[in-house]
Amino acid sequence: EDPIAYVTRLAREKAEAVFRELTAAGSQ
């Protein structure tokens, strides 16, 4: 994996993971 592809993938995956967590049904 190219370094730029690596850090942009991780940044996106981090943001998407937390977005899914916070928008899950019943999130306080």
mmCIF file of all heavy atoms, coordinates in Angstrom:
data_MODEL
# 
_entry.id   MODEL 
# 
loop_
_atom_site.group_PDB 
_atom_site.id 
_atom_site.type_symbol 
_atom_site.label_atom_id 
_atom_site.label_alt_id 
_atom_site.label_comp_id 
_atom_site.label_asym_id 
_atom_site.label_entity_id 
_atom_site.label_seq_id 
_atom_site.pdbx_PDB_ins_code 
_atom_site.Cartn_x 
_atom_site.Cartn_y 
_atom_site.Cartn_z 
_atom_site.occupancy 
_atom_site.B_iso_or_equiv 
_atom_site.pdbx_formal_charge 
_atom_site.auth_seq_id 
_atom_site.auth_comp_id 
_atom_site.auth_asym_id 
_atom_site.auth_atom_id 
_atom_site.pdbx_PDB_model_num 
ATOM 1   N N   . GLU A 1 1  ? 0.821   -1.202 0.000  1.00 0.00 ? 1  GLU A N   1 
ATOM 2   C CA  . GLU A 1 1  ? 0.000   0.000  0.000  1.00 0.00 ? 1  GLU A CA  1 
ATOM 3   C C   . GLU A 1 1  ? 0.864   1.264  0.000  1.00 0.00 ? 1  GLU A C   1 
ATOM 4   O O   . GLU A 1 1  ? 1.785   1.411  0.791  1.00 0.00 ? 1  GLU A O   1 
ATOM 5   C CB  . GLU A 1 1  ? -0.923  0.002  1.221  1.00 0.00 ? 1  GLU A CB  1 
ATOM 6   C CG  . GLU A 1 1  ? -1.991  1.074  1.194  1.00 0.00 ? 1  GLU A CG  1 
ATOM 7   C CD  . GLU A 1 1  ? -3.034  0.880  2.278  1.00 0.00 ? 1  GLU A CD  1 
ATOM 8   O OE1 . GLU A 1 1  ? -2.702  0.318  3.348  1.00 0.00 ? 1  GLU A OE1 1 
ATOM 9   O OE2 . GLU A 1 1  ? -4.190  1.276  2.067  1.00 0.00 ? 1  GLU A OE2 1 
ATOM 10  N N   . ASP A 1 2  ? 0.551   2.182  -0.889 1.00 0.00 ? 2  ASP A N   1 
ATOM 11  C CA  . ASP A 1 2  ? 1.228   3.473  -0.968 1.00 0.00 ? 2  ASP A CA  1 
ATOM 12  C C   . ASP A 1 2  ? 0.944   4.276  0.305  1.00 0.00 ? 2  ASP A C   1 
ATOM 13  O O   . ASP A 1 2  ? -0.172  4.222  0.835  1.00 0.00 ? 2  ASP A O   1 
ATOM 14  C CB  . ASP A 1 2  ? 0.701   4.219  -2.203 1.00 0.00 ? 2  ASP A CB  1 
ATOM 15  C CG  . ASP A 1 2  ? 1.207   5.643  -2.275 1.00 0.00 ? 2  ASP A CG  1 
ATOM 16  O OD1 . ASP A 1 2  ? 2.332   5.832  -2.764 1.00 0.00 ? 2  ASP A OD1 1 
ATOM 17  O OD2 . ASP A 1 2  ? 0.483   6.554  -1.830 1.00 0.00 ? 2  ASP A OD2 1 
ATOM 18  N N   . PRO A 1 3  ? 1.944   5.029  0.807  1.00 0.00 ? 3  PRO A N   1 
ATOM 19  C CA  . PRO A 1 3  ? 1.727   5.771  2.062  1.00 0.00 ? 3  PRO A CA  1 
ATOM 20  C C   . PRO A 1 3  ? 0.535   6.725  2.036  1.00 0.00 ? 3  PRO A C   1 
ATOM 21  O O   . PRO A 1 3  ? -0.194  6.828  3.033  1.00 0.00 ? 3  PRO A O   1 
ATOM 22  C CB  . PRO A 1 3  ? 3.044   6.534  2.242  1.00 0.00 ? 3  PRO A CB  1 
ATOM 23  C CG  . PRO A 1 3  ? 4.059   5.693  1.554  1.00 0.00 ? 3  PRO A CG  1 
ATOM 24  C CD  . PRO A 1 3  ? 3.348   5.110  0.371  1.00 0.00 ? 3  PRO A CD  1 
ATOM 25  N N   . ILE A 1 4  ? 0.317   7.441  0.929  1.00 0.00 ? 4  ILE A N   1 
ATOM 26  C CA  . ILE A 1 4  ? -0.826  8.363  0.870  1.00 0.00 ? 4  ILE A CA  1 
ATOM 27  C C   . ILE A 1 4  ? -2.134  7.579  0.873  1.00 0.00 ? 4  ILE A C   1 
ATOM 28  O O   . ILE A 1 4  ? -3.089  7.926  1.577  1.00 0.00 ? 4  ILE A O   1 
ATOM 29  C CB  . ILE A 1 4  ? -0.723  9.301  -0.345 1.00 0.00 ? 4  ILE A CB  1 
ATOM 30  C CG1 . ILE A 1 4  ? 0.439   10.294 -0.133 1.00 0.00 ? 4  ILE A CG1 1 
ATOM 31  C CG2 . ILE A 1 4  ? -2.035  10.058 -0.571 1.00 0.00 ? 4  ILE A CG2 1 
ATOM 32  C CD1 . ILE A 1 4  ? 0.660   11.262 -1.270 1.00 0.00 ? 4  ILE A CD1 1 
ATOM 33  N N   . ALA A 1 5  ? -2.171  6.486  0.118  1.00 0.00 ? 5  ALA A N   1 
ATOM 34  C CA  . ALA A 1 5  ? -3.371  5.641  0.116  1.00 0.00 ? 5  ALA A CA  1 
ATOM 35  C C   . ALA A 1 5  ? -3.624  5.069  1.505  1.00 0.00 ? 5  ALA A C   1 
ATOM 36  O O   . ALA A 1 5  ? -4.777  4.972  1.954  1.00 0.00 ? 5  ALA A O   1 
ATOM 37  C CB  . ALA A 1 5  ? -3.215  4.517  -0.902 1.00 0.00 ? 5  ALA A CB  1 
ATOM 38  N N   . TYR A 1 6  ? -2.550  4.731  2.194  1.00 0.00 ? 6  TYR A N   1 
ATOM 39  C CA  . TYR A 1 6  ? -2.654  4.148  3.543  1.00 0.00 ? 6  TYR A CA  1 
ATOM 40  C C   . TYR A 1 6  ? -3.286  5.130  4.527  1.00 0.00 ? 6  TYR A C   1 
ATOM 41  O O   . TYR A 1 6  ? -4.265  4.803  5.208  1.00 0.00 ? 6  TYR A O   1 
ATOM 42  C CB  . TYR A 1 6  ? -1.249  3.735  4.000  1.00 0.00 ? 6  TYR A CB  1 
ATOM 43  C CG  . TYR A 1 6  ? -1.104  3.410  5.455  1.00 0.00 ? 6  TYR A CG  1 
ATOM 44  C CD1 . TYR A 1 6  ? -1.763  2.323  6.025  1.00 0.00 ? 6  TYR A CD1 1 
ATOM 45  C CD2 . TYR A 1 6  ? -0.267  4.173  6.274  1.00 0.00 ? 6  TYR A CD2 1 
ATOM 46  C CE1 . TYR A 1 6  ? -1.606  2.016  7.374  1.00 0.00 ? 6  TYR A CE1 1 
ATOM 47  C CE2 . TYR A 1 6  ? -0.102  3.868  7.619  1.00 0.00 ? 6  TYR A CE2 1 
ATOM 48  C CZ  . TYR A 1 6  ? -0.776  2.793  8.164  1.00 0.00 ? 6  TYR A CZ  1 
ATOM 49  O OH  . TYR A 1 6  ? -0.624  2.495  9.492  1.00 0.00 ? 6  TYR A OH  1 
ATOM 50  N N   . VAL A 1 7  ? -2.757  6.356  4.609  1.00 0.00 ? 7  VAL A N   1 
ATOM 51  C CA  . VAL A 1 7  ? -3.279  7.294  5.608  1.00 0.00 ? 7  VAL A CA  1 
ATOM 52  C C   . VAL A 1 7  ? -4.675  7.800  5.247  1.00 0.00 ? 7  VAL A C   1 
ATOM 53  O O   . VAL A 1 7  ? -5.496  8.033  6.144  1.00 0.00 ? 7  VAL A O   1 
ATOM 54  C CB  . VAL A 1 7  ? -2.321  8.480  5.866  1.00 0.00 ? 7  VAL A CB  1 
ATOM 55  C CG1 . VAL A 1 7  ? -1.059  8.004  6.547  1.00 0.00 ? 7  VAL A CG1 1 
ATOM 56  C CG2 . VAL A 1 7  ? -2.008  9.257  4.603  1.00 0.00 ? 7  VAL A CG2 1 
ATOM 57  N N   . THR A 1 8  ? -4.967  7.962  3.966  1.00 0.00 ? 8  THR A N   1 
ATOM 58  C CA  . THR A 1 8  ? -6.318  8.414  3.608  1.00 0.00 ? 8  THR A CA  1 
ATOM 59  C C   . THR A 1 8  ? -7.342  7.303  3.851  1.00 0.00 ? 8  THR A C   1 
ATOM 60  O O   . THR A 1 8  ? -8.467  7.569  4.282  1.00 0.00 ? 8  THR A O   1 
ATOM 61  C CB  . THR A 1 8  ? -6.384  8.906  2.149  1.00 0.00 ? 8  THR A CB  1 
ATOM 62  O OG1 . THR A 1 8  ? -5.853  7.919  1.270  1.00 0.00 ? 8  THR A OG1 1 
ATOM 63  C CG2 . THR A 1 8  ? -5.605  10.199 1.974  1.00 0.00 ? 8  THR A CG2 1 
ATOM 64  N N   . ARG A 1 9  ? -6.945  6.054  3.611  1.00 0.00 ? 9  ARG A N   1 
ATOM 65  C CA  . ARG A 1 9  ? -7.847  4.932  3.903  1.00 0.00 ? 9  ARG A CA  1 
ATOM 66  C C   . ARG A 1 9  ? -8.144  4.864  5.394  1.00 0.00 ? 9  ARG A C   1 
ATOM 67  O O   . ARG A 1 9  ? -9.306  4.721  5.808  1.00 0.00 ? 9  ARG A O   1 
ATOM 68  C CB  . ARG A 1 9  ? -7.227  3.614  3.424  1.00 0.00 ? 9  ARG A CB  1 
ATOM 69  C CG  . ARG A 1 9  ? -8.062  2.381  3.825  1.00 0.00 ? 9  ARG A CG  1 
ATOM 70  C CD  . ARG A 1 9  ? -7.445  1.086  3.332  1.00 0.00 ? 9  ARG A CD  1 
ATOM 71  N NE  . ARG A 1 9  ? -6.133  0.792  3.887  1.00 0.00 ? 9  ARG A NE  1 
ATOM 72  C CZ  . ARG A 1 9  ? -5.930  0.247  5.094  1.00 0.00 ? 9  ARG A CZ  1 
ATOM 73  N NH1 . ARG A 1 9  ? -6.960  -0.045 5.886  1.00 0.00 ? 9  ARG A NH1 1 
ATOM 74  N NH2 . ARG A 1 9  ? -4.704  -0.013 5.510  1.00 0.00 ? 9  ARG A NH2 1 
ATOM 75  N N   . LEU A 1 10 ? -7.094  4.966  6.233  1.00 0.00 ? 10 LEU A N   1 
ATOM 76  C CA  . LEU A 1 10 ? -7.317  4.895  7.671  1.00 0.00 ? 10 LEU A CA  1 
ATOM 77  C C   . LEU A 1 10 ? -8.159  6.059  8.183  1.00 0.00 ? 10 LEU A C   1 
ATOM 78  O O   . LEU A 1 10 ? -9.032  5.871  9.033  1.00 0.00 ? 10 LEU A O   1 
ATOM 79  C CB  . LEU A 1 10 ? -5.981  4.862  8.418  1.00 0.00 ? 10 LEU A CB  1 
ATOM 80  C CG  . LEU A 1 10 ? -5.206  3.547  8.390  1.00 0.00 ? 10 LEU A CG  1 
ATOM 81  C CD1 . LEU A 1 10 ? -4.022  3.618  9.340  1.00 0.00 ? 10 LEU A CD1 1 
ATOM 82  C CD2 . LEU A 1 10 ? -6.080  2.356  8.735  1.00 0.00 ? 10 LEU A CD2 1 
ATOM 83  N N   . ALA A 1 11 ? -7.897  7.259  7.672  1.00 0.00 ? 11 ALA A N   1 
ATOM 84  C CA  . ALA A 1 11 ? -8.694  8.421  8.090  1.00 0.00 ? 11 ALA A CA  1 
ATOM 85  C C   . ALA A 1 11 ? -10.168 8.197  7.769  1.00 0.00 ? 11 ALA A C   1 
ATOM 86  O O   . ALA A 1 11 ? -11.055 8.451  8.599  1.00 0.00 ? 11 ALA A O   1 
ATOM 87  C CB  . ALA A 1 11 ? -8.182  9.680  7.401  1.00 0.00 ? 11 ALA A CB  1 
ATOM 88  N N   . ARG A 1 12 ? -10.437 7.708  6.553  1.00 0.00 ? 12 ARG A N   1 
ATOM 89  C CA  . ARG A 1 12 ? -11.823 7.448  6.147  1.00 0.00 ? 12 ARG A CA  1 
ATOM 90  C C   . ARG A 1 12 ? -12.450 6.343  6.989  1.00 0.00 ? 12 ARG A C   1 
ATOM 91  O O   . ARG A 1 12 ? -13.590 6.466  7.463  1.00 0.00 ? 12 ARG A O   1 
ATOM 92  C CB  . ARG A 1 12 ? -11.868 7.058  4.661  1.00 0.00 ? 12 ARG A CB  1 
ATOM 93  C CG  . ARG A 1 12 ? -13.293 6.937  4.107  1.00 0.00 ? 12 ARG A CG  1 
ATOM 94  C CD  . ARG A 1 12 ? -13.316 6.309  2.730  1.00 0.00 ? 12 ARG A CD  1 
ATOM 95  N NE  . ARG A 1 12 ? -13.040 4.885  2.823  1.00 0.00 ? 12 ARG A NE  1 
ATOM 96  C CZ  . ARG A 1 12 ? -11.962 4.273  2.344  1.00 0.00 ? 12 ARG A CZ  1 
ATOM 97  N NH1 . ARG A 1 12 ? -11.016 4.963  1.737  1.00 0.00 ? 12 ARG A NH1 1 
ATOM 98  N NH2 . ARG A 1 12 ? -11.811 2.971  2.476  1.00 0.00 ? 12 ARG A NH2 1 
ATOM 99  N N   . GLU A 1 13 ? -11.699 5.254  7.206  1.00 0.00 ? 13 GLU A N   1 
ATOM 100 C CA  . GLU A 1 13 ? -12.245 4.137  7.983  1.00 0.00 ? 13 GLU A CA  1 
ATOM 101 C C   . GLU A 1 13 ? -12.540 4.542  9.424  1.00 0.00 ? 13 GLU A C   1 
ATOM 102 O O   . GLU A 1 13 ? -13.541 4.112  10.008 1.00 0.00 ? 13 GLU A O   1 
ATOM 103 C CB  . GLU A 1 13 ? -11.282 2.945  7.944  1.00 0.00 ? 13 GLU A CB  1 
ATOM 104 C CG  . GLU A 1 13 ? -11.246 2.258  6.582  1.00 0.00 ? 13 GLU A CG  1 
ATOM 105 C CD  . GLU A 1 13 ? -10.296 1.067  6.551  1.00 0.00 ? 13 GLU A CD  1 
ATOM 106 O OE1 . GLU A 1 13 ? -9.628  0.789  7.577  1.00 0.00 ? 13 GLU A OE1 1 
ATOM 107 O OE2 . GLU A 1 13 ? -10.212 0.409  5.494  1.00 0.00 ? 13 GLU A OE2 1 
ATOM 108 N N   . LYS A 1 14 ? -11.681 5.353  10.023 1.00 0.00 ? 14 LYS A N   1 
ATOM 109 C CA  . LYS A 1 14 ? -11.919 5.838  11.387 1.00 0.00 ? 14 LYS A CA  1 
ATOM 110 C C   . LYS A 1 14 ? -13.203 6.664  11.445 1.00 0.00 ? 14 LYS A C   1 
ATOM 111 O O   . LYS A 1 14 ? -14.055 6.464  12.320 1.00 0.00 ? 14 LYS A O   1 
ATOM 112 C CB  . LYS A 1 14 ? -10.741 6.681  11.870 1.00 0.00 ? 14 LYS A CB  1 
ATOM 113 C CG  . LYS A 1 14 ? -9.476  5.910  12.163 1.00 0.00 ? 14 LYS A CG  1 
ATOM 114 C CD  . LYS A 1 14 ? -8.346  6.863  12.546 1.00 0.00 ? 14 LYS A CD  1 
ATOM 115 C CE  . LYS A 1 14 ? -7.036  6.141  12.807 1.00 0.00 ? 14 LYS A CE  1 
ATOM 116 N NZ  . LYS A 1 14 ? -5.951  7.066  13.169 1.00 0.00 ? 14 LYS A NZ  1 
ATOM 117 N N   . ALA A 1 15 ? -13.319 7.616  10.524 1.00 0.00 ? 15 ALA A N   1 
ATOM 118 C CA  . ALA A 1 15 ? -14.494 8.497  10.523 1.00 0.00 ? 15 ALA A CA  1 
ATOM 119 C C   . ALA A 1 15 ? -15.769 7.710  10.247 1.00 0.00 ? 15 ALA A C   1 
ATOM 120 O O   . ALA A 1 15 ? -16.799 7.921  10.904 1.00 0.00 ? 15 ALA A O   1 
ATOM 121 C CB  . ALA A 1 15 ? -14.307 9.610  9.501  1.00 0.00 ? 15 ALA A CB  1 
ATOM 122 N N   . GLU A 1 16 ? -15.710 6.786  9.290  1.00 0.00 ? 16 GLU A N   1 
ATOM 123 C CA  . GLU A 1 16 ? -16.908 6.006  8.952  1.00 0.00 ? 16 GLU A CA  1 
ATOM 124 C C   . GLU A 1 16 ? -17.312 5.076  10.091 1.00 0.00 ? 16 GLU A C   1 
ATOM 125 O O   . GLU A 1 16 ? -18.506 4.902  10.367 1.00 0.00 ? 16 GLU A O   1 
ATOM 126 C CB  . GLU A 1 16 ? -16.659 5.207  7.672  1.00 0.00 ? 16 GLU A CB  1 
ATOM 127 C CG  . GLU A 1 16 ? -16.612 6.064  6.423  1.00 0.00 ? 16 GLU A CG  1 
ATOM 128 C CD  . GLU A 1 16 ? -16.274 5.296  5.168  1.00 0.00 ? 16 GLU A CD  1 
ATOM 129 O OE1 . GLU A 1 16 ? -15.689 4.188  5.262  1.00 0.00 ? 16 GLU A OE1 1 
ATOM 130 O OE2 . GLU A 1 16 ? -16.586 5.796  4.073  1.00 0.00 ? 16 GLU A OE2 1 
ATOM 131 N N   . ALA A 1 17 ? -16.323 4.489  10.774 1.00 0.00 ? 17 ALA A N   1 
ATOM 132 C CA  . ALA A 1 17 ? -16.633 3.578  11.881 1.00 0.00 ? 17 ALA A CA  1 
ATOM 133 C C   . ALA A 1 17 ? -17.361 4.308  13.007 1.00 0.00 ? 17 ALA A C   1 
ATOM 134 O O   . ALA A 1 17 ? -18.366 3.820  13.538 1.00 0.00 ? 17 ALA A O   1 
ATOM 135 C CB  . ALA A 1 17 ? -15.345 2.943  12.410 1.00 0.00 ? 17 ALA A CB  1 
ATOM 136 N N   . VAL A 1 18 ? -16.880 5.491  13.361 1.00 0.00 ? 18 VAL A N   1 
ATOM 137 C CA  . VAL A 1 18 ? -17.515 6.245  14.438 1.00 0.00 ? 18 VAL A CA  1 
ATOM 138 C C   . VAL A 1 18 ? -18.862 6.808  13.975 1.00 0.00 ? 18 VAL A C   1 
ATOM 139 O O   . VAL A 1 18 ? -19.825 6.858  14.755 1.00 0.00 ? 18 VAL A O   1 
ATOM 140 C CB  . VAL A 1 18 ? -16.590 7.357  14.967 1.00 0.00 ? 18 VAL A CB  1 
ATOM 141 C CG1 . VAL A 1 18 ? -17.290 8.193  16.034 1.00 0.00 ? 18 VAL A CG1 1 
ATOM 142 C CG2 . VAL A 1 18 ? -15.314 6.744  15.542 1.00 0.00 ? 18 VAL A CG2 1 
ATOM 143 N N   . PHE A 1 19 ? -18.959 7.216  12.709 1.00 0.00 ? 19 PHE A N   1 
ATOM 144 C CA  . PHE A 1 19 ? -20.242 7.694  12.192 1.00 0.00 ? 19 PHE A CA  1 
ATOM 145 C C   . PHE A 1 19 ? -21.300 6.598  12.319 1.00 0.00 ? 19 PHE A C   1 
ATOM 146 O O   . PHE A 1 19 ? -22.421 6.853  12.787 1.00 0.00 ? 19 PHE A O   1 
ATOM 147 C CB  . PHE A 1 19 ? -20.101 8.131  10.726 1.00 0.00 ? 19 PHE A CB  1 
ATOM 148 C CG  . PHE A 1 19 ? -21.334 8.787  10.173 1.00 0.00 ? 19 PHE A CG  1 
ATOM 149 C CD1 . PHE A 1 19 ? -21.522 10.156 10.304 1.00 0.00 ? 19 PHE A CD1 1 
ATOM 150 C CD2 . PHE A 1 19 ? -22.318 8.045  9.545  1.00 0.00 ? 19 PHE A CD2 1 
ATOM 151 C CE1 . PHE A 1 19 ? -22.667 10.773 9.810  1.00 0.00 ? 19 PHE A CE1 1 
ATOM 152 C CE2 . PHE A 1 19 ? -23.460 8.642  9.043  1.00 0.00 ? 19 PHE A CE2 1 
ATOM 153 C CZ  . PHE A 1 19 ? -23.633 10.015 9.174  1.00 0.00 ? 19 PHE A CZ  1 
ATOM 154 N N   . ARG A 1 20 ? -20.935 5.371  11.916 1.00 0.00 ? 20 ARG A N   1 
ATOM 155 C CA  . ARG A 1 20 ? -21.887 4.258  12.028 1.00 0.00 ? 20 ARG A CA  1 
ATOM 156 C C   . ARG A 1 20 ? -22.279 4.018  13.481 1.00 0.00 ? 20 ARG A C   1 
ATOM 157 O O   . ARG A 1 20 ? -23.443 3.784  13.801 1.00 0.00 ? 20 ARG A O   1 
ATOM 158 C CB  . ARG A 1 20 ? -21.279 2.975  11.440 1.00 0.00 ? 20 ARG A CB  1 
ATOM 159 C CG  . ARG A 1 20 ? -21.266 2.934  9.929  1.00 0.00 ? 20 ARG A CG  1 
ATOM 160 C CD  . ARG A 1 20 ? -20.936 1.547  9.395  1.00 0.00 ? 20 ARG A CD  1 
ATOM 161 N NE  . ARG A 1 20 ? -19.649 1.057  9.873  1.00 0.00 ? 20 ARG A NE  1 
ATOM 162 C CZ  . ARG A 1 20 ? -18.497 1.264  9.239  1.00 0.00 ? 20 ARG A CZ  1 
ATOM 163 N NH1 . ARG A 1 20 ? -18.473 1.964  8.122  1.00 0.00 ? 20 ARG A NH1 1 
ATOM 164 N NH2 . ARG A 1 20 ? -17.361 0.775  9.737  1.00 0.00 ? 20 ARG A NH2 1 
ATOM 165 N N   . GLU A 1 21 ? -21.280 4.089  14.370 1.00 0.00 ? 21 GLU A N   1 
ATOM 166 C CA  . GLU A 1 21 ? -21.536 3.861  15.793 1.00 0.00 ? 21 GLU A CA  1 
ATOM 167 C C   . GLU A 1 21 ? -22.500 4.899  16.359 1.00 0.00 ? 21 GLU A C   1 
ATOM 168 O O   . GLU A 1 21 ? -23.441 4.571  17.094 1.00 0.00 ? 21 GLU A O   1 
ATOM 169 C CB  . GLU A 1 21 ? -20.203 3.915  16.535 1.00 0.00 ? 21 GLU A CB  1 
ATOM 170 C CG  . GLU A 1 21 ? -20.216 3.286  17.897 1.00 0.00 ? 21 GLU A CG  1 
ATOM 171 C CD  . GLU A 1 21 ? -18.827 3.273  18.526 1.00 0.00 ? 21 GLU A CD  1 
ATOM 172 O OE1 . GLU A 1 21 ? -17.834 3.112  17.795 1.00 0.00 ? 21 GLU A OE1 1 
ATOM 173 O OE2 . GLU A 1 21 ? -18.768 3.454  19.753 1.00 0.00 ? 21 GLU A OE2 1 
ATOM 174 N N   . LEU A 1 22 ? -22.272 6.156  16.016 1.00 0.00 ? 22 LEU A N   1 
ATOM 175 C CA  . LEU A 1 22 ? -23.087 7.237  16.587 1.00 0.00 ? 22 LEU A CA  1 
ATOM 176 C C   . LEU A 1 22 ? -24.480 7.328  15.972 1.00 0.00 ? 22 LEU A C   1 
ATOM 177 O O   . LEU A 1 22 ? -25.399 7.846  16.600 1.00 0.00 ? 22 LEU A O   1 
ATOM 178 C CB  . LEU A 1 22 ? -22.366 8.579  16.438 1.00 0.00 ? 22 LEU A CB  1 
ATOM 179 C CG  . LEU A 1 22 ? -21.075 8.743  17.244 1.00 0.00 ? 22 LEU A CG  1 
ATOM 180 C CD1 . LEU A 1 22 ? -20.499 10.132 17.050 1.00 0.00 ? 22 LEU A CD1 1 
ATOM 181 C CD2 . LEU A 1 22 ? -21.310 8.458  18.726 1.00 0.00 ? 22 LEU A CD2 1 
ATOM 182 N N   . THR A 1 23 ? -24.610 6.839  14.749 1.00 0.00 ? 23 THR A N   1 
ATOM 183 C CA  . THR A 1 23 ? -25.922 6.920  14.106 1.00 0.00 ? 23 THR A CA  1 
ATOM 184 C C   . THR A 1 23 ? -26.721 5.630  14.264 1.00 0.00 ? 23 THR A C   1 
ATOM 185 O O   . THR A 1 23 ? -27.833 5.522  13.769 1.00 0.00 ? 23 THR A O   1 
ATOM 186 C CB  . THR A 1 23 ? -25.788 7.250  12.600 1.00 0.00 ? 23 THR A CB  1 
ATOM 187 O OG1 . THR A 1 23 ? -24.909 6.303  11.981 1.00 0.00 ? 23 THR A OG1 1 
ATOM 188 C CG2 . THR A 1 23 ? -25.253 8.658  12.408 1.00 0.00 ? 23 THR A CG2 1 
ATOM 189 N N   . ALA A 1 24 ? -26.148 4.649  14.966 1.00 0.00 ? 24 ALA A N   1 
ATOM 190 C CA  . ALA A 1 24 ? -26.874 3.403  15.221 1.00 0.00 ? 24 ALA A CA  1 
ATOM 191 C C   . ALA A 1 24 ? -28.111 3.705  16.065 1.00 0.00 ? 24 ALA A C   1 
ATOM 192 O O   . ALA A 1 24 ? -28.139 4.644  16.851 1.00 0.00 ? 24 ALA A O   1 
ATOM 193 C CB  . ALA A 1 24 ? -25.976 2.406  15.951 1.00 0.00 ? 24 ALA A CB  1 
ATOM 194 N N   . ALA A 1 25 ? -29.112 2.891  15.894 1.00 0.00 ? 25 ALA A N   1 
ATOM 195 C CA  . ALA A 1 25 ? -30.365 3.089  16.635 1.00 0.00 ? 25 ALA A CA  1 
ATOM 196 C C   . ALA A 1 25 ? -30.098 3.130  18.133 1.00 0.00 ? 25 ALA A C   1 
ATOM 197 O O   . ALA A 1 25 ? -29.370 2.298  18.673 1.00 0.00 ? 25 ALA A O   1 
ATOM 198 C CB  . ALA A 1 25 ? -31.334 1.954  16.319 1.00 0.00 ? 25 ALA A CB  1 
ATOM 199 N N   . GLY A 1 26 ? -30.649 4.128  18.771 1.00 0.00 ? 26 GLY A N   1 
ATOM 200 C CA  . GLY A 1 26 ? -30.559 4.226  20.219 1.00 0.00 ? 26 GLY A CA  1 
ATOM 201 C C   . GLY A 1 26 ? -29.322 4.913  20.743 1.00 0.00 ? 26 GLY A C   1 
ATOM 202 O O   . GLY A 1 26 ? -29.119 4.950  21.945 1.00 0.00 ? 26 GLY A O   1 
ATOM 203 N N   . SER A 1 27 ? -28.475 5.455  19.843 1.00 0.00 ? 27 SER A N   1 
ATOM 204 C CA  . SER A 1 27 ? -27.277 6.140  20.332 1.00 0.00 ? 27 SER A CA  1 
ATOM 205 C C   . SER A 1 27 ? -27.671 7.363  21.156 1.00 0.00 ? 27 SER A C   1 
ATOM 206 O O   . SER A 1 27 ? -28.444 8.205  20.720 1.00 0.00 ? 27 SER A O   1 
ATOM 207 C CB  . SER A 1 27 ? -26.395 6.586  19.157 1.00 0.00 ? 27 SER A CB  1 
ATOM 208 O OG  . SER A 1 27 ? -25.360 7.416  19.628 1.00 0.00 ? 27 SER A OG  1 
ATOM 209 N N   . GLN A 1 28 ? -27.134 7.450  22.362 1.00 0.00 ? 28 GLN A N   1 
ATOM 210 C CA  . GLN A 1 28 ? -27.450 8.570  23.254 1.00 0.00 ? 28 GLN A CA  1 
ATOM 211 C C   . GLN A 1 28 ? -26.598 9.803  22.955 1.00 0.00 ? 28 GLN A C   1 
ATOM 212 O O   . GLN A 1 28 ? -26.935 10.909 23.355 1.00 0.00 ? 28 GLN A O   1 
ATOM 213 C CB  . GLN A 1 28 ? -27.233 8.157  24.710 1.00 0.00 ? 28 GLN A CB  1 
ATOM 214 C CG  . GLN A 1 28 ? -28.171 7.046  25.168 1.00 0.00 ? 28 GLN A CG  1 
ATOM 215 C CD  . GLN A 1 28 ? -29.628 7.408  25.005 1.00 0.00 ? 28 GLN A CD  1 
ATOM 216 O OE1 . GLN A 1 28 ? -30.077 8.435  25.518 1.00 0.00 ? 28 GLN A OE1 1 
ATOM 217 N NE2 . GLN A 1 28 ? -30.382 6.599  24.281 1.00 0.00 ? 28 GLN A NE2 1 
# 
